[in-house]
């Protein structure tokens, strides 16, 4: 019998599917992130399947016991507190181990927070990048943001309720100013959309007591237009005079003004030859 990955509502209890309810009702065991949260769903729909906790603190140990039960022919349903397990929530270890052991796995389609957030942001949905939660440690977080800096499309982040101001501050400092939207209480009665920029949203979070997890969507990196009268060459020479290496000058002109890298390289090379009298 299979491992069944079951999405649960991200806010509105009515978003659960008939197929998900059938899977929860028919399983021998439900592995869930928080038994109290999952019990609310089961109680609402009269489901009495036994529960066992499966969270980030016991994921490896529980994976072993659950794969043993799967090997005995039992059906295990895997759920998280909200949305689909295994992406931003525990579940990946059990899914990977089950695949390696050759067990049948059924992943049901269902609720996610990032899809409605992306569409409600109003930013272009293609290309987009789903990042989810950033690393907790500041150094790791900033290194990851440096890797995302060159991505030109929309980016979806999950903001933890613990220290969202510091997280947003790092996003702003590393990615630079970008349009952004915060989404709260997705699919609930008091769903809220807060548009602005990374700077304005950082200030807002510092002043307002917004509680709970939030979704932050940043818009595409704004591209500066080529300087008036085409004087990007002047900008390039100015950067060189500041002591920046050619590699950095080429990168900046390409990213900020959309000038082809080879074009900048050729210009800098020709200016260097002129200076050397060649």
Protein backbone atom coordinates (compact mmCIF):
# COMPACT_ATOMS: atom_id res chain seq x y z
CA UNK A 1 0.00 0.00 0.00
CA UNK A 2 1.22 3.54 -0.70
CA UNK A 3 2.49 6.58 1.05
CA UNK A 4 -0.06 9.30 0.27
CA UNK A 5 1.09 12.94 0.40
CA UNK A 6 -2.01 14.96 1.28
CA UNK A 7 -2.20 18.77 0.99
CA UNK A 8 -4.27 20.54 3.64
CA UNK A 9 -5.84 24.04 3.52
CA UNK A 10 -3.54 27.03 3.97
CA UNK A 11 -6.31 29.01 5.65
CA UNK A 12 -9.86 28.21 4.65
CA UNK A 13 -10.98 24.77 5.84
CA UNK A 14 -13.33 24.47 2.86
CA UNK A 15 -10.36 24.27 0.49
CA UNK A 16 -9.68 20.62 1.32
CA UNK A 17 -10.54 18.28 -1.55
CA UNK A 18 -12.86 15.29 -1.57
CA UNK A 19 -9.92 13.13 -2.61
CA UNK A 20 -7.84 14.37 0.32
CA UNK A 21 -10.63 13.51 2.76
CA UNK A 22 -10.95 10.06 1.25
CA UNK A 23 -7.19 9.51 1.58
CA UNK A 24 -7.18 10.60 5.23
CA UNK A 25 -10.16 8.42 6.02
CA UNK A 26 -8.73 5.37 4.26
CA UNK A 27 -5.19 5.48 5.66
CA UNK A 28 -3.99 3.23 8.46
CA UNK A 29 -2.03 6.10 9.96
CA UNK A 30 -1.63 9.86 9.46
CA UNK A 31 1.82 11.37 9.98
CA UNK A 32 1.33 15.06 10.74
CA UNK A 33 3.42 18.08 11.68
CA UNK A 34 1.21 19.06 14.64
CA UNK A 35 -1.36 16.56 15.91
CA UNK A 36 -3.49 19.35 17.39
CA UNK A 37 -3.78 21.19 14.08
CA UNK A 38 -4.55 18.04 12.12
CA UNK A 39 -7.11 16.90 14.69
CA UNK A 40 -9.18 20.01 13.93
CA UNK A 41 -9.56 18.88 10.32
CA UNK A 42 -10.30 15.29 11.28
CA UNK A 43 -12.88 16.32 13.88
CA UNK A 44 -14.64 18.61 11.43
CA UNK A 45 -15.08 15.80 8.90
CA UNK A 46 -15.59 12.91 11.31
CA UNK A 47 -12.32 11.12 10.50
CA UNK A 48 -10.89 8.83 13.19
CA UNK A 49 -7.62 7.66 11.64
CA UNK A 50 -4.78 7.43 14.23
CA UNK A 51 -2.19 10.22 14.26
CA UNK A 52 1.55 10.27 14.82
CA UNK A 53 3.73 13.38 14.96
CA UNK A 54 6.19 13.99 12.13
CA UNK A 55 8.07 17.28 12.40
CA UNK A 56 11.52 18.78 11.90
CA UNK A 57 12.76 17.57 15.29
CA UNK A 58 11.90 13.89 14.83
CA UNK A 59 11.90 13.61 11.02
CA UNK A 60 14.82 11.17 10.70
CA UNK A 61 13.70 8.89 13.52
CA UNK A 62 10.07 8.88 12.39
CA UNK A 63 11.09 8.20 8.80
CA UNK A 64 12.56 4.87 9.89
CA UNK A 65 9.44 3.78 11.80
CA UNK A 66 7.08 4.92 9.06
CA UNK A 67 9.00 3.12 6.29
CA UNK A 68 8.81 -0.03 8.43
CA UNK A 69 5.04 0.32 8.57
CA UNK A 70 4.91 0.87 4.82
CA UNK A 71 6.96 -2.29 4.37
CA UNK A 72 4.27 -4.19 6.30
CA UNK A 73 1.68 -3.11 3.74
CA UNK A 74 0.11 -0.26 5.69
CA UNK A 75 -1.04 2.98 4.06
CA UNK A 76 0.44 6.15 5.57
CA UNK A 77 -0.98 9.61 4.84
CA UNK A 78 1.52 12.46 5.22
CA UNK A 79 0.26 15.98 6.01
CA UNK A 80 1.71 19.26 7.25
CA UNK A 81 0.05 22.08 9.16
CA UNK A 82 -0.88 23.83 5.92
CA UNK A 83 -0.26 23.24 2.23
CA UNK A 84 1.73 20.39 0.73
CA UNK A 85 4.32 18.52 2.86
CA UNK A 86 7.92 18.16 1.75
CA UNK A 87 8.65 21.58 0.27
CA UNK A 88 8.75 24.20 3.04
CA UNK A 89 7.47 21.73 5.66
CA UNK A 90 8.75 18.31 6.83
CA UNK A 91 8.19 15.36 4.53
CA UNK A 92 11.08 15.24 2.08
CA UNK A 93 13.02 12.60 4.07
CA UNK A 94 10.06 10.23 4.16
CA UNK A 95 9.29 10.74 0.48
CA UNK A 96 12.94 10.16 -0.53
CA UNK A 97 13.29 7.07 1.66
CA UNK A 98 10.03 5.64 0.33
CA UNK A 99 11.16 6.14 -3.26
CA UNK A 100 14.50 4.49 -2.55
CA UNK A 101 12.71 1.54 -0.94
CA UNK A 102 10.47 1.15 -3.97
CA UNK A 103 7.21 1.95 -2.18
CA UNK A 104 4.27 3.31 -4.13
CA UNK A 105 3.77 7.05 -3.55
CA UNK A 106 0.72 9.09 -4.39
CA UNK A 107 1.03 12.89 -4.23
CA UNK A 108 -2.34 14.63 -4.30
CA UNK A 109 -2.69 18.08 -5.87
CA UNK A 110 -4.05 20.75 -3.60
CA UNK A 111 -3.59 23.95 -1.65
CA UNK A 112 -0.41 26.03 -1.68
CA UNK A 113 0.27 29.54 -0.40
CA UNK A 114 2.75 30.70 -3.02
CA UNK A 115 0.48 30.37 -6.08
CA UNK A 116 -2.28 32.73 -4.86
CA UNK A 117 0.39 35.05 -3.43
CA UNK A 118 2.19 35.26 -6.77
CA UNK A 119 -1.02 35.99 -8.66
CA UNK A 120 -2.25 38.52 -6.09
CA UNK A 121 1.10 40.33 -6.19
CA UNK A 122 0.36 41.59 -9.68
CA UNK A 123 3.95 40.91 -10.75
CA UNK A 124 4.73 38.90 -13.89
CA UNK A 125 4.28 35.19 -13.12
CA UNK A 126 6.93 34.18 -15.66
CA UNK A 127 9.70 33.80 -14.84
CA UNK A 128 9.32 33.39 -11.11
CA UNK A 129 11.30 31.67 -8.39
CA UNK A 130 9.84 30.07 -5.27
CA UNK A 131 12.38 30.41 -2.45
CA UNK A 132 10.20 29.75 0.60
CA UNK A 133 11.89 30.24 3.96
CA UNK A 134 15.40 31.67 3.94
CA UNK A 135 18.09 30.22 6.26
CA UNK A 136 17.76 31.27 9.90
CA UNK A 137 21.39 32.27 10.36
CA UNK A 138 22.20 35.73 9.06
CA UNK A 139 25.40 34.70 7.27
CA UNK A 140 23.74 31.76 5.52
CA UNK A 141 20.75 33.91 4.66
CA UNK A 142 22.82 36.66 3.06
CA UNK A 143 24.88 34.14 1.10
CA UNK A 144 21.70 32.63 -0.29
CA UNK A 145 20.37 36.09 -1.19
CA UNK A 146 23.61 36.82 -3.06
CA UNK A 147 22.86 33.76 -5.19
CA UNK A 148 19.36 35.11 -5.90
CA UNK A 149 20.54 38.63 -6.72
CA UNK A 150 21.03 37.99 -10.42
CA UNK A 151 17.55 36.48 -10.92
CA UNK A 152 15.53 38.97 -12.94
CA UNK A 153 11.99 37.67 -12.32
CA UNK A 154 9.54 37.63 -9.42
CA UNK A 155 10.63 35.85 -6.21
CA UNK A 156 8.33 34.35 -3.57
CA UNK A 157 9.57 34.23 0.04
CA UNK A 158 7.90 32.89 3.16
CA UNK A 159 8.46 35.18 6.15
CA UNK A 160 8.66 33.47 9.51
CA UNK A 161 6.76 35.14 12.38
CA UNK A 162 10.09 35.16 14.24
CA UNK A 163 12.15 38.20 13.25
CA UNK A 164 10.54 39.16 9.91
CA UNK A 165 12.00 42.69 10.09
CA UNK A 166 15.58 41.39 10.13
CA UNK A 167 14.83 39.00 7.27
CA UNK A 168 13.28 41.77 5.18
CA UNK A 169 16.22 44.03 6.01
CA UNK A 170 18.64 41.46 4.60
CA UNK A 171 16.51 40.97 1.49
CA UNK A 172 16.46 44.73 0.91
CA UNK A 173 20.18 45.22 1.51
CA UNK A 174 21.29 42.35 -0.72
CA UNK A 175 18.73 42.46 -3.54
CA UNK A 176 18.48 46.24 -3.61
CA UNK A 177 15.30 48.26 -3.95
CA UNK A 178 12.49 46.41 -5.70
CA UNK A 179 8.71 46.61 -5.80
CA UNK A 180 7.22 44.12 -3.35
CA UNK A 181 3.94 42.89 -1.88
CA UNK A 182 3.18 41.18 1.43
CA UNK A 183 0.23 38.78 1.59
CA UNK A 184 -1.31 37.77 4.92
CA UNK A 185 -4.12 35.43 5.96
CA UNK A 186 -4.32 33.91 2.47
CA UNK A 187 -7.75 32.42 1.71
CA UNK A 188 -9.12 33.54 5.09
CA UNK A 189 -11.86 36.07 5.83
CA UNK A 190 -9.39 38.87 6.58
CA UNK A 191 -6.95 38.22 3.74
CA UNK A 192 -4.69 41.24 3.34
CA UNK A 193 -2.56 42.52 0.47
CA UNK A 194 0.07 45.15 1.32
CA UNK A 195 1.85 46.59 -1.74
CA UNK A 196 4.92 48.80 -1.64
CA UNK A 197 8.67 48.54 -1.99
CA UNK A 198 11.17 46.56 0.04
CA UNK A 199 12.09 49.77 1.88
CA UNK A 200 8.51 50.77 2.70
CA UNK A 201 7.51 47.25 3.75
CA UNK A 202 10.57 46.99 5.97
CA UNK A 203 9.54 50.24 7.68
CA UNK A 204 5.94 49.02 7.99
CA UNK A 205 6.96 45.76 9.66
CA UNK A 206 9.12 47.74 12.06
CA UNK A 207 6.15 49.84 13.15
CA UNK A 208 3.13 47.53 12.87
CA UNK A 209 2.54 44.36 14.89
CA UNK A 210 1.74 42.00 12.02
CA UNK A 211 1.46 38.48 13.39
CA UNK A 212 1.75 35.06 11.82
CA UNK A 213 3.49 33.80 8.73
CA UNK A 214 3.46 36.07 5.70
CA UNK A 215 4.30 35.67 2.04
CA UNK A 216 6.57 38.27 0.44
CA UNK A 217 6.70 38.58 -3.33
CA UNK A 218 9.37 40.78 -4.88
CA UNK A 219 8.87 42.08 -8.39
CA UNK A 220 11.42 41.85 -11.21
CA UNK A 221 14.65 43.73 -10.66
CA UNK A 222 14.17 47.22 -12.12
CA UNK A 223 16.49 47.83 -15.03
CA UNK A 224 17.84 51.32 -15.38
CA UNK A 225 17.57 52.73 -18.86
CA UNK A 226 20.67 53.56 -20.83
CA UNK A 227 21.95 57.04 -19.88
CA UNK A 228 20.62 59.90 -21.95
CA UNK A 229 22.48 60.51 -25.22
CA UNK A 230 23.96 57.03 -24.91
CA UNK A 231 26.77 58.10 -22.60
CA UNK A 232 27.22 54.71 -20.98
CA UNK A 233 30.84 55.03 -21.99
CA UNK A 234 31.15 57.96 -19.59
CA UNK A 235 29.64 55.87 -16.81
CA UNK A 236 32.10 53.06 -17.56
CA UNK A 237 35.10 55.41 -17.49
CA UNK A 238 33.85 56.96 -14.26
CA UNK A 239 33.70 53.55 -12.61
CA UNK A 240 37.22 52.77 -13.83
CA UNK A 241 38.46 56.04 -12.33
CA UNK A 242 36.96 54.92 -9.00
CA UNK A 243 39.31 51.94 -9.13
CA UNK A 244 36.79 49.25 -10.02
CA UNK A 245 38.23 46.31 -11.96
CA UNK A 246 37.08 45.83 -15.54
CA UNK A 247 35.14 42.71 -14.59
CA UNK A 248 33.01 44.66 -12.11
CA UNK A 249 32.49 47.54 -14.56
CA UNK A 250 31.28 45.10 -17.23
CA UNK A 251 28.93 43.45 -14.75
CA UNK A 252 27.40 46.73 -13.57
CA UNK A 253 26.85 48.14 -17.05
CA UNK A 254 25.25 44.89 -18.15
CA UNK A 255 22.94 44.58 -15.14
CA UNK A 256 21.95 48.22 -14.70
CA UNK A 257 21.75 49.44 -18.29
CA UNK A 258 21.35 46.29 -20.34
CA UNK A 259 24.55 46.91 -22.30
CA UNK A 260 25.99 43.75 -23.86
CA UNK A 261 29.04 42.55 -21.91
CA UNK A 262 31.17 42.13 -25.03
CA UNK A 263 30.38 45.69 -26.06
CA UNK A 264 31.61 47.04 -22.71
CA UNK A 265 34.71 44.82 -22.81
CA UNK A 266 35.62 46.04 -26.30
CA UNK A 267 35.17 49.67 -25.24
CA UNK A 268 37.38 49.29 -22.17
CA UNK A 269 39.99 47.45 -24.21
CA UNK A 270 40.07 50.18 -26.86
CA UNK A 271 40.38 52.90 -24.20
CA UNK A 272 43.24 51.05 -22.56
CA UNK A 273 45.05 50.78 -25.91
CA UNK A 274 44.52 54.51 -26.52
CA UNK A 275 45.97 55.29 -23.10
CA UNK A 276 48.99 53.12 -23.81
CA UNK A 277 49.48 54.88 -27.17
CA UNK A 278 48.95 51.77 -29.24
